[in-house]
Amino acid sequence: MRQLLKDSAFFSASRYFILGLGFVRNLVIAKFLSPTAYGAWVFITLVLTYGDQVHLGLRHLGDKEIPYRRGRSEATVDFANTIYGGVIIFSIVAFLLLTAYAFFNSGIDENTKFGIYLASGIILADQVNRFYYMILRAHQEFVLASKIESLAEILRTLLLAVGVILFELPGALVGMVLSALLLAAYFGWRYRLTYRPQWQWRTLAELFRLGLPLFITGALFILLSNADRLAIALRLSAHDLGLYGLVALLVAVPFNAVQALGFVIFPRLSEQFGRHGQASMLEPFFSKILTAAVLFTPPLVTSVFLATPAVITGFLPAYVEAIPLALVLLPGVYFFTIVQLPSLFLIAVERTRRYIVIEFVMLVVMMMSYFVGFKMAPNRITVAGVTAISFFFLTTLLLLTCYKTAGYSLAGRFKTIAKIYLPFLFSLVWLALLFKIFPYHPMSSFSPSLLWSLRHLTLYLIVYGAIVVWAMQRHGYWSRLRMELIN
């Protein structure tokens, strides 16, 4: 547990740093591009997001199987090399398909073609980089991985910022290409061919079969997490996509902070399952981590979203129409932020198919809800509302499945989830009261927006902090923490 706390603290701190850099990058891009051009940037980032899945589950298999095999005292180098070979093959195929699509498609403009060409190169280089990140995570070298990723993100931010300032959207994309290539060159120098791609076709076919369910879960999750932007891209304008895309960045801030915790606990879950083979043995550890995440997630989510009016009004006035979207989306983000933890538990205990069924059902429900919502009110607010409600149901279904897998009764499942949701429900009630007392009105200047954000955030943190301190004191947490620190 102490090593877990150390890894989590360092890795989470680096994630916050990386998230801050990402937020700065997108603010710079939004500042130097129009909402329409920013919509094109969002489209290219969607291509990169989906392109990250071209490994077809092999990297996810490495994340799961390498710690699992280490728990069973098995060798892992040849296994990793075979995964590396498969990743290289699939990346080259994706590169060729994307470039061919851009070259032969006469229905897209030249800037978009150029963007797709560069995106295909970024995907190819990033697959190599993410393979090495997988190796570092699988061997629980989170401190080293954090240092490398933080330095790489600093370089990417500098190159992208210079590119967008000098050459707008094409310059930003070129900056991303250069940073990805330099990082790939660094990994090649550092490991000096310790890992070499192997193409043992029978073994690779077997790994592909094992990794396919993990690929499906990753692809479906990306579809779920980007379904709102896809719906806007298909039914509304590039201007709408640019506005909503800026708000979608806010969702990533708290989600990626908890995702850092997921990266740390997943190898441990897989390794422990390799030793014990029982989901019930992992449940106490999983529940403890989940409870801590739920307790400290609301202040993070609320701080990010309540700061939105001041940030947009002061620095991005062209995006002021996006503020109501952030306030509508806020309730659902509480639940979405923790969604990775139950999903990793299901994957670690080899219940991937149950996870796939939940993802597929929720994706169908979301798309149908967007369709019905557009029939009633074809606007951005409809998308934000449907997304917020969908996040709640997705998280609830995953948690119900986790505790069923751990052997809980039906009543026990609902009782446990109700306790887990208490901080979220209290936050929603308290925020609703604040908005009732001090409603939000569109403001054209920075000072009123800043005062509104500071007032709401201060009142929220005072009350929520007092409740948390009282609850922790009542359950003896502070005394246990003090003893742990003394030890």
Protein backbone atom coordinates (compact mmCIF):
# COMPACT_ATOMS: atom_id res chain seq x y z
CA MET A 1 0.00 0.00 0.00
CA ARG A 2 2.87 2.39 0.76
CA GLN A 3 4.42 1.76 -2.64
CA LEU A 4 1.00 2.22 -4.20
CA LEU A 5 0.61 5.58 -2.46
CA LYS A 6 4.09 6.64 -3.60
CA ASP A 7 3.49 5.60 -7.21
CA SER A 8 0.01 7.12 -7.22
CA ALA A 9 1.21 10.42 -5.78
CA PHE A 10 4.09 10.78 -8.23
CA PHE A 11 2.16 9.50 -11.24
CA SER A 12 -0.90 11.61 -10.40
CA ALA A 13 1.25 14.71 -9.94
CA SER A 14 2.82 14.14 -13.35
CA ARG A 15 -0.65 13.63 -14.84
CA TYR A 16 -1.77 16.95 -13.40
CA PHE A 17 1.30 18.56 -14.92
CA ILE A 18 0.64 16.90 -18.28
CA LEU A 19 -3.03 17.86 -18.15
CA GLY A 20 -2.04 21.44 -17.43
CA LEU A 21 0.23 21.43 -20.46
CA GLY A 22 -2.54 19.94 -22.58
CA PHE A 23 -4.94 22.60 -21.38
CA VAL A 24 -2.40 25.31 -22.18
CA ARG A 25 -1.89 23.84 -25.66
CA ASN A 26 -5.59 23.87 -26.41
CA LEU A 27 -6.01 27.39 -25.04
CA VAL A 28 -3.20 28.57 -27.33
CA ILE A 29 -4.76 26.77 -30.29
CA ALA A 30 -8.20 28.19 -29.52
CA LYS A 31 -6.66 31.65 -29.13
CA PHE A 32 -4.96 31.65 -32.54
CA LEU A 33 -7.70 29.81 -34.47
CA SER A 34 -11.28 30.76 -35.19
CA PRO A 35 -14.08 28.51 -33.82
CA THR A 36 -14.45 27.03 -37.31
CA ALA A 37 -10.74 26.25 -37.61
CA TYR A 38 -10.81 24.92 -34.05
CA GLY A 39 -13.60 22.59 -35.18
CA ALA A 40 -11.19 21.25 -37.81
CA TRP A 41 -8.60 20.74 -35.06
CA VAL A 42 -11.17 18.78 -33.04
CA PHE A 43 -11.82 16.61 -36.11
CA ILE A 44 -8.10 15.85 -36.50
CA THR A 45 -7.79 15.02 -32.79
CA LEU A 46 -10.71 12.61 -33.19
CA VAL A 47 -8.77 10.90 -35.99
CA LEU A 48 -5.77 10.63 -33.65
CA THR A 49 -7.95 9.34 -30.82
CA TYR A 50 -9.45 6.56 -32.92
CA GLY A 51 -6.07 5.95 -34.57
CA ASP A 52 -4.60 5.12 -31.17
CA GLN A 53 -6.59 1.86 -31.33
CA VAL A 54 -4.80 0.53 -34.44
CA HIS A 55 -2.87 -1.92 -32.26
CA LEU A 56 -6.16 -3.89 -32.18
CA GLY A 57 -5.88 -4.69 -28.50
CA LEU A 58 -2.26 -5.92 -28.40
CA ARG A 59 -1.07 -3.10 -26.15
CA HIS A 60 -4.00 -3.62 -23.81
CA LEU A 61 -3.13 -7.31 -23.75
CA GLY A 62 0.42 -6.42 -22.72
CA ASP A 63 -0.87 -4.18 -19.92
CA LYS A 64 -2.88 -7.09 -18.60
CA GLU A 65 -0.81 -10.18 -19.39
CA ILE A 66 2.74 -9.07 -18.57
CA PRO A 67 1.95 -8.38 -14.87
CA TYR A 68 -0.28 -11.48 -14.81
CA ARG A 69 2.56 -13.68 -16.11
CA ARG A 70 5.01 -12.07 -13.72
CA GLY A 71 2.61 -13.04 -10.93
CA ARG A 72 2.88 -16.62 -12.18
CA SER A 73 6.71 -16.33 -12.41
CA GLU A 74 6.75 -16.68 -16.22
CA ALA A 75 9.15 -15.05 -18.72
CA THR A 76 7.72 -12.03 -20.58
CA VAL A 77 10.38 -10.71 -23.02
CA ASP A 78 9.43 -12.88 -26.01
CA PHE A 79 5.78 -12.19 -25.29
CA ALA A 80 6.46 -8.42 -25.38
CA ASN A 81 8.50 -8.70 -28.60
CA THR A 82 5.66 -10.50 -30.35
CA ILE A 83 3.28 -7.75 -29.26
CA TYR A 84 5.77 -5.20 -30.59
CA GLY A 85 5.82 -6.91 -33.98
CA GLY A 86 2.04 -6.90 -34.19
CA VAL A 87 1.86 -3.23 -33.21
CA ILE A 88 4.32 -2.30 -35.96
CA ILE A 89 2.38 -4.25 -38.62
CA PHE A 90 -1.00 -2.79 -37.71
CA SER A 91 0.46 0.72 -37.48
CA ILE A 92 1.93 0.51 -40.99
CA VAL A 93 -1.39 -0.75 -42.37
CA ALA A 94 -3.23 2.14 -40.69
CA PHE A 95 -0.68 4.61 -42.08
CA LEU A 96 -1.18 3.34 -45.62
CA LEU A 97 -4.98 3.30 -45.35
CA LEU A 98 -5.19 6.85 -43.99
CA THR A 99 -2.84 8.30 -46.58
CA ALA A 100 -4.68 6.47 -49.37
CA TYR A 101 -8.01 7.79 -48.07
CA ALA A 102 -6.74 11.37 -48.07
CA PHE A 103 -5.07 11.02 -51.48
CA PHE A 104 -8.04 9.54 -53.35
CA ASN A 105 -10.84 11.43 -51.61
CA SER A 106 -11.67 14.48 -53.69
CA GLY A 107 -14.45 15.59 -51.36
CA ILE A 108 -12.19 17.05 -48.69
CA ASP A 109 -10.26 20.30 -48.82
CA GLU A 110 -6.48 20.55 -49.02
CA ASN A 111 -6.01 21.59 -45.38
CA THR A 112 -7.93 18.54 -44.18
CA LYS A 113 -5.90 16.29 -46.50
CA PHE A 114 -2.69 17.73 -45.14
CA GLY A 115 -3.98 17.17 -41.61
CA ILE A 116 -4.80 13.51 -42.32
CA TYR A 117 -1.37 12.91 -43.86
CA LEU A 118 0.33 14.25 -40.76
CA ALA A 119 -2.09 12.46 -38.44
CA SER A 120 -1.17 9.12 -40.04
CA GLY A 121 2.51 9.79 -39.31
CA ILE A 122 1.72 10.79 -35.73
CA ILE A 123 -0.24 7.56 -35.21
CA LEU A 124 2.66 5.44 -36.50
CA ALA A 125 5.26 7.11 -34.25
CA ASP A 126 2.96 7.20 -31.23
CA GLN A 127 2.28 3.46 -31.43
CA VAL A 128 6.00 2.85 -30.91
CA ASN A 129 6.06 5.33 -28.03
CA ARG A 130 3.01 3.83 -26.36
CA PHE A 131 4.48 0.34 -26.61
CA TYR A 132 7.40 1.50 -24.46
CA TYR A 133 5.05 3.24 -22.04
CA MET A 134 3.23 -0.10 -21.77
CA ILE A 135 6.53 -1.80 -20.88
CA LEU A 136 7.24 0.77 -18.18
CA ARG A 137 3.74 0.45 -16.68
CA ALA A 138 3.76 -3.36 -16.81
CA HIS A 139 6.98 -3.38 -14.79
CA GLN A 140 5.56 -0.76 -12.41
CA GLU A 141 8.20 1.84 -13.32
CA PHE A 142 5.74 4.66 -12.86
CA VAL A 143 8.25 7.25 -11.67
CA LEU A 144 10.44 6.81 -14.76
CA ALA A 145 7.40 6.75 -17.05
CA SER A 146 6.15 9.97 -15.46
CA LYS A 147 9.47 11.75 -15.98
CA ILE A 148 9.73 10.71 -19.64
CA GLU A 149 6.12 11.58 -20.42
CA SER A 150 6.34 14.95 -18.66
CA LEU A 151 9.45 15.97 -20.61
CA ALA A 152 7.88 14.73 -23.85
CA GLU A 153 4.76 16.81 -23.21
CA ILE A 154 6.85 19.91 -22.53
CA LEU A 155 8.54 19.43 -25.89
CA ARG A 156 5.19 18.83 -27.63
CA THR A 157 3.70 21.96 -26.07
CA LEU A 158 6.62 24.15 -27.18
CA LEU A 159 6.66 22.82 -30.75
CA LEU A 160 2.89 22.97 -31.12
CA ALA A 161 2.61 26.48 -29.67
CA VAL A 162 5.34 27.83 -31.97
CA GLY A 163 3.74 26.06 -34.93
CA VAL A 164 0.22 27.38 -34.38
CA ILE A 165 1.46 30.93 -33.74
CA LEU A 166 3.55 31.00 -36.91
CA PHE A 167 1.55 28.80 -39.30
CA GLU A 168 -1.86 28.27 -37.64
CA LEU A 169 -3.39 24.78 -37.93
CA PRO A 170 -0.74 23.19 -40.23
CA GLY A 171 2.00 24.43 -37.93
CA ALA A 172 0.32 22.85 -34.89
CA LEU A 173 0.17 19.49 -36.66
CA VAL A 174 3.80 19.67 -37.76
CA GLY A 175 4.77 20.37 -34.16
CA MET A 176 2.95 17.23 -33.05
CA VAL A 177 4.72 15.14 -35.71
CA LEU A 178 8.17 16.39 -34.67
CA SER A 179 7.54 15.73 -30.98
CA ALA A 180 6.31 12.17 -31.67
CA LEU A 181 9.32 11.37 -33.85
CA LEU A 182 11.81 12.75 -31.31
CA LEU A 183 10.25 10.69 -28.51
CA ALA A 184 10.39 7.52 -30.67
CA ALA A 185 14.07 8.23 -31.37
CA TYR A 186 14.70 8.63 -27.63
CA PHE A 187 13.10 5.27 -26.78
CA GLY A 188 15.13 3.60 -29.53
CA TRP A 189 18.33 5.06 -28.08
CA ARG A 190 17.44 4.29 -24.47
CA TYR A 191 16.55 0.61 -24.92
CA ARG A 192 19.11 -0.06 -27.68
CA LEU A 193 17.09 -2.88 -29.23
CA THR A 194 16.33 -4.58 -25.92
CA TYR A 195 12.88 -5.10 -27.39
CA ARG A 196 12.82 -6.18 -31.03
CA PRO A 197 9.71 -6.79 -33.10
CA GLN A 198 9.12 -10.50 -33.68
CA TRP A 199 6.76 -11.87 -36.30
CA GLN A 200 5.89 -15.34 -35.14
CA TRP A 201 2.65 -15.60 -37.03
CA ARG A 202 1.00 -18.40 -35.07
CA THR A 203 1.81 -16.74 -31.76
CA LEU A 204 0.72 -13.38 -33.12
CA ALA A 205 -2.59 -14.85 -34.29
CA GLU A 206 -3.18 -16.27 -30.80
CA LEU A 207 -2.33 -12.94 -29.19
CA PHE A 208 -4.65 -11.17 -31.60
CA ARG A 209 -7.44 -13.52 -30.56
CA LEU A 210 -6.77 -12.78 -26.89
CA GLY A 211 -6.39 -9.06 -27.47
CA LEU A 212 -9.45 -8.62 -29.67
CA PRO A 213 -11.91 -8.33 -26.75
CA LEU A 214 -9.64 -5.72 -25.17
CA PHE A 215 -9.52 -3.85 -28.48
CA ILE A 216 -13.31 -3.91 -28.66
CA THR A 217 -13.59 -2.51 -25.14
CA GLY A 218 -11.13 0.28 -25.97
CA ALA A 219 -12.81 1.13 -29.27
CA LEU A 220 -16.29 1.13 -27.74
CA PHE A 221 -15.11 3.30 -24.86
CA ILE A 222 -13.65 5.83 -27.27
CA LEU A 223 -16.94 5.83 -29.17
CA LEU A 224 -18.81 6.37 -25.91
CA SER A 225 -16.56 9.16 -24.70
CA ASN A 226 -16.66 10.92 -28.08
CA ALA A 227 -20.25 10.17 -29.07
CA ASP A 228 -21.33 13.71 -28.20
CA ARG A 229 -18.79 15.27 -30.58
CA LEU A 230 -19.65 12.75 -33.29
CA ALA A 231 -23.33 13.63 -32.97
CA ILE A 232 -22.55 17.33 -33.32
CA ALA A 233 -20.19 16.71 -36.24
CA LEU A 234 -22.92 14.77 -38.06
CA ARG A 235 -25.91 17.01 -37.31
CA LEU A 236 -24.63 20.51 -36.47
CA SER A 237 -21.97 22.89 -37.81
CA ALA A 238 -18.19 23.14 -37.44
CA HIS A 239 -18.82 26.22 -35.29
CA ASP A 240 -20.93 24.13 -32.90
CA LEU A 241 -18.26 21.44 -32.85
CA GLY A 242 -15.60 23.98 -32.00
CA LEU A 243 -17.62 25.35 -29.07
CA TYR A 244 -18.49 21.93 -27.73
CA GLY A 245 -14.96 20.66 -28.30
CA LEU A 246 -13.62 23.30 -25.93
CA VAL A 247 -16.04 22.14 -23.21
CA ALA A 248 -15.11 18.51 -23.86
CA LEU A 249 -11.55 19.41 -22.85
CA LEU A 250 -12.86 20.16 -19.37
CA VAL A 251 -14.17 16.60 -19.05
CA ALA A 252 -10.69 15.27 -19.76
CA VAL A 253 -9.08 17.19 -16.88
CA PRO A 254 -10.66 15.31 -13.92
CA PHE A 255 -11.04 12.08 -15.90
CA ASN A 256 -7.35 11.85 -16.70
CA ALA A 257 -6.44 12.63 -13.10
CA VAL A 258 -8.33 9.53 -11.93
CA GLN A 259 -7.07 7.64 -14.99
CA ALA A 260 -3.56 8.11 -13.59
CA LEU A 261 -4.71 6.21 -10.50
CA GLY A 262 -6.10 3.50 -12.77
CA PHE A 263 -2.76 3.12 -14.53
CA VAL A 264 -1.11 2.51 -11.17
CA ILE A 265 -3.57 -0.03 -9.75
CA PHE A 266 -4.20 -2.07 -12.93
CA PRO A 267 -0.84 -3.94 -12.97
CA ARG A 268 -1.35 -4.71 -9.29
CA LEU A 269 -4.87 -6.01 -9.89
CA SER A 270 -3.67 -8.21 -12.76
CA GLU A 271 -0.67 -9.51 -10.80
CA GLN A 272 -2.78 -10.32 -7.76
CA PHE A 273 -5.38 -12.07 -9.91
CA GLY A 274 -2.55 -14.12 -11.44
CA ARG A 275 -1.63 -15.28 -7.93
CA HIS A 276 -5.09 -15.88 -6.46
CA GLY A 277 -7.45 -16.30 -9.43
CA GLN A 278 -10.47 -15.02 -7.47
CA ALA A 279 -12.28 -11.72 -8.03
CA SER A 280 -13.42 -11.61 -4.40
CA MET A 281 -9.78 -11.39 -3.27
CA LEU A 282 -9.34 -8.15 -5.25
CA GLU A 283 -12.59 -6.47 -4.16
CA PRO A 284 -11.43 -4.96 -0.81
CA PHE A 285 -8.43 -3.30 -2.48
CA PHE A 286 -10.59 -2.10 -5.39
CA SER A 287 -13.30 -0.71 -3.09
CA LYS A 288 -10.77 1.17 -0.97
CA ILE A 289 -9.29 2.87 -4.05
CA LEU A 290 -12.75 3.62 -5.47
CA THR A 291 -13.94 5.18 -2.20
CA ALA A 292 -10.90 7.46 -2.06
CA ALA A 293 -11.40 8.51 -5.70
CA VAL A 294 -15.09 9.27 -5.16
CA LEU A 295 -14.33 11.33 -2.07
CA PHE A 296 -11.79 13.63 -3.72
CA THR A 297 -13.27 13.78 -7.24
CA PRO A 298 -16.07 16.34 -6.63
CA PRO A 299 -13.80 19.26 -5.64
CA LEU A 300 -11.65 18.66 -8.72
CA VAL A 301 -14.59 18.44 -11.12
CA THR A 302 -16.40 21.40 -9.56
CA SER A 303 -13.29 23.60 -9.55
CA VAL A 304 -12.63 22.96 -13.22
CA PHE A 305 -16.19 23.65 -14.34
CA LEU A 306 -16.94 26.63 -12.08
CA ALA A 307 -13.77 28.31 -13.31
CA THR A 308 -15.00 28.02 -16.90
CA PRO A 309 -17.01 31.30 -17.09
CA ALA A 310 -14.03 33.36 -15.89
CA VAL A 311 -11.48 31.60 -18.12
CA ILE A 312 -13.60 31.82 -21.28
CA THR A 313 -14.77 35.39 -20.69
CA GLY A 314 -11.27 36.59 -19.88
CA PHE A 315 -9.17 34.71 -22.42
CA LEU A 316 -11.46 33.22 -25.07
CA PRO A 317 -14.35 35.64 -25.59
CA ALA A 318 -15.15 34.09 -28.99
CA TYR A 319 -16.21 30.92 -27.11
CA VAL A 320 -18.56 32.57 -24.60
CA GLU A 321 -21.49 30.55 -26.00
CA ALA A 322 -19.81 27.41 -24.64
CA ILE A 323 -20.31 28.39 -20.97
CA PRO A 324 -23.89 27.05 -20.63
CA LEU A 325 -22.71 23.73 -22.12
CA ALA A 326 -20.17 23.33 -19.33
CA LEU A 327 -22.77 23.96 -16.62
CA VAL A 328 -25.20 21.44 -18.15
CA LEU A 329 -22.49 18.79 -18.55
CA LEU A 330 -21.12 19.22 -15.00
CA PRO A 331 -23.39 16.70 -13.12
CA GLY A 332 -22.57 13.82 -15.46
CA VAL A 333 -18.83 14.41 -15.26
CA TYR A 334 -18.82 13.42 -11.56
CA PHE A 335 -19.78 9.88 -12.56
CA PHE A 336 -17.79 9.66 -15.78
CA THR A 337 -14.58 10.62 -13.98
CA ILE A 338 -14.50 7.31 -12.04
CA VAL A 339 -15.73 5.07 -14.86
CA GLN A 340 -12.29 3.66 -15.61
CA LEU A 341 -11.84 2.09 -12.17
CA PRO A 342 -14.71 -0.45 -12.42
CA SER A 343 -13.86 -1.14 -16.06
CA LEU A 344 -10.24 -2.00 -15.12
CA PHE A 345 -11.49 -4.29 -12.35
CA LEU A 346 -13.63 -6.23 -14.85
CA ILE A 347 -10.75 -6.54 -17.31
CA ALA A 348 -8.29 -7.64 -14.60
CA VAL A 349 -10.60 -10.45 -13.40
CA GLU A 350 -11.25 -11.57 -17.00
CA ARG A 351 -14.86 -10.38 -17.27
CA THR A 352 -14.17 -8.39 -20.42
CA ARG A 353 -17.26 -9.68 -22.23
CA ARG A 354 -19.54 -8.24 -19.57
CA TYR A 355 -17.83 -4.90 -20.01
CA ILE A 356 -18.28 -5.08 -23.80
CA VAL A 357 -22.02 -5.76 -23.43
CA ILE A 358 -22.44 -2.74 -21.15
CA GLU A 359 -20.50 -0.50 -23.52
CA PHE A 360 -22.46 -1.64 -26.55
CA VAL A 361 -25.83 -1.22 -24.87
CA MET A 362 -24.93 2.26 -23.62
CA LEU A 363 -23.60 3.31 -27.03
CA VAL A 364 -26.86 2.27 -28.71
CA VAL A 365 -28.90 4.06 -26.04
CA MET A 366 -26.81 7.24 -26.38
CA MET A 367 -27.11 7.38 -30.16
CA MET A 368 -30.87 6.81 -29.97
CA SER A 369 -31.13 9.51 -27.31
CA TYR A 370 -29.21 11.98 -29.46
CA PHE A 371 -31.51 11.17 -32.40
CA VAL A 372 -34.66 11.75 -30.33
CA GLY A 373 -33.16 14.86 -28.74
CA PHE A 374 -32.34 16.39 -32.12
CA LYS A 375 -35.93 15.80 -33.19
CA MET A 376 -37.14 17.80 -30.20
CA ALA A 377 -34.42 20.47 -29.95
CA PRO A 378 -31.51 20.32 -32.45
CA ASN A 379 -28.91 22.28 -30.48
CA ARG A 380 -25.76 21.91 -28.38
CA ILE A 381 -27.60 21.96 -25.04
CA THR A 382 -29.49 18.80 -26.02
CA VAL A 383 -26.21 16.97 -26.63
CA ALA A 384 -24.77 18.12 -23.29
CA GLY A 385 -27.88 17.02 -21.37
CA VAL A 386 -28.06 13.58 -22.99
CA THR A 387 -24.34 13.06 -22.39
CA ALA A 388 -24.57 13.94 -18.69
CA ILE A 389 -27.43 11.48 -18.10
CA SER A 390 -25.66 8.74 -20.08
CA PHE A 391 -22.52 9.09 -17.97
CA PHE A 392 -24.54 8.35 -14.83
CA PHE A 393 -26.12 5.18 -16.25
CA LEU A 394 -22.81 3.92 -17.69
CA THR A 395 -21.01 4.21 -14.34
CA THR A 396 -23.91 2.65 -12.43
CA LEU A 397 -24.12 -0.36 -14.74
CA LEU A 398 -20.37 -0.95 -14.45
CA LEU A 399 -20.41 -0.78 -10.66
CA LEU A 400 -23.39 -3.15 -10.43
CA THR A 401 -21.50 -5.62 -12.62
CA CYS A 402 -18.30 -5.27 -10.55
CA TYR A 403 -19.99 -6.05 -7.26
CA LYS A 404 -21.97 -8.88 -8.81
CA THR A 405 -18.66 -10.36 -10.01
CA ALA A 406 -17.30 -9.99 -6.46
CA GLY A 407 -20.23 -12.03 -5.09
CA TYR A 408 -22.45 -9.30 -3.62
CA SER A 409 -26.19 -9.86 -3.33
CA LEU A 410 -28.56 -7.64 -5.31
CA ALA A 411 -29.45 -5.58 -2.23
CA GLY A 412 -25.78 -5.39 -1.25
CA ARG A 413 -24.85 -4.05 -4.68
CA PHE A 414 -27.35 -1.20 -4.58
CA LYS A 415 -26.52 -0.37 -0.95
CA THR A 416 -22.78 -0.23 -1.70
CA ILE A 417 -23.25 1.95 -4.78
CA ALA A 418 -25.56 4.30 -2.86
CA LYS A 419 -22.80 4.82 -0.28
CA ILE A 420 -20.24 5.37 -3.03
CA TYR A 421 -22.43 8.03 -4.68
CA LEU A 422 -23.03 10.04 -1.49
CA PRO A 423 -20.29 12.65 -2.19
CA PHE A 424 -21.62 13.09 -5.74
CA LEU A 425 -25.23 13.47 -4.60
CA PHE A 426 -24.31 15.93 -1.86
CA SER A 427 -22.28 17.98 -4.37
CA LEU A 428 -25.19 18.12 -6.82
CA VAL A 429 -27.66 19.22 -4.14
CA TRP A 430 -25.31 21.89 -2.79
CA LEU A 431 -24.52 23.19 -6.28
CA ALA A 432 -28.24 23.30 -7.13
CA LEU A 433 -28.82 25.48 -4.06
CA LEU A 434 -25.95 27.76 -5.02
CA PHE A 435 -27.27 28.17 -8.56
CA LYS A 436 -30.72 28.88 -7.13
CA ILE A 437 -29.39 31.59 -4.83
CA PHE A 438 -26.86 33.01 -7.30
CA PRO A 439 -28.05 32.10 -10.82
CA TYR A 440 -25.74 32.37 -13.79
CA HIS A 441 -26.43 35.20 -16.25
CA PRO A 442 -24.39 35.71 -19.44
CA MET A 443 -21.65 38.26 -18.74
CA SER A 444 -19.62 40.13 -21.31
CA SER A 445 -16.67 41.20 -19.15
CA PHE A 446 -14.04 39.35 -17.15
CA SER A 447 -14.51 40.87 -13.67
CA PRO A 448 -18.16 39.83 -13.10
CA SER A 449 -17.41 36.33 -14.40
CA LEU A 450 -14.39 35.99 -12.11
CA LEU A 451 -16.40 37.12 -9.09
CA TRP A 452 -19.19 34.67 -9.94
CA SER A 453 -16.73 31.78 -10.28
CA LEU A 454 -14.83 32.63 -7.09
CA ARG A 455 -18.00 33.05 -5.04
CA HIS A 456 -19.52 29.75 -6.12
CA LEU A 457 -16.25 27.83 -5.81
CA THR A 458 -15.44 29.24 -2.36
CA LEU A 459 -18.89 28.48 -0.94
CA TYR A 460 -18.82 24.99 -2.45
CA LEU A 461 -15.36 24.11 -1.12
CA ILE A 462 -16.07 25.42 2.40
CA VAL A 463 -19.21 23.33 2.85
CA TYR A 464 -17.95 20.23 1.04
CA GLY A 465 -14.61 20.37 2.87
CA ALA A 466 -16.33 20.63 6.24
CA ILE A 467 -18.50 17.60 5.48
CA VAL A 468 -15.50 15.55 4.33
CA VAL A 469 -13.43 16.43 7.39
CA TRP A 470 -16.35 15.52 9.68
CA ALA A 471 -16.93 12.19 7.91
CA MET A 472 -13.24 11.26 8.02
CA GLN A 473 -13.03 12.16 11.70
CA ARG A 474 -16.14 10.10 12.49
CA HIS A 475 -14.74 7.00 10.79
CA GLY A 476 -11.31 7.35 12.40
CA TYR A 477 -9.50 8.03 9.15
CA TRP A 478 -7.30 10.81 10.50
CA SER A 479 -5.97 8.66 13.35
CA ARG A 480 -5.18 5.79 10.96
CA LEU A 481 -3.46 8.18 8.56
CA ARG A 482 -1.41 9.67 11.40
CA MET A 483 -0.26 6.22 12.49
CA GLU A 484 0.63 5.30 8.91
CA LEU A 485 2.73 8.46 8.51
CA ILE A 486 4.48 7.80 11.83
CA ASN A 487 5.26 4.23 10.76
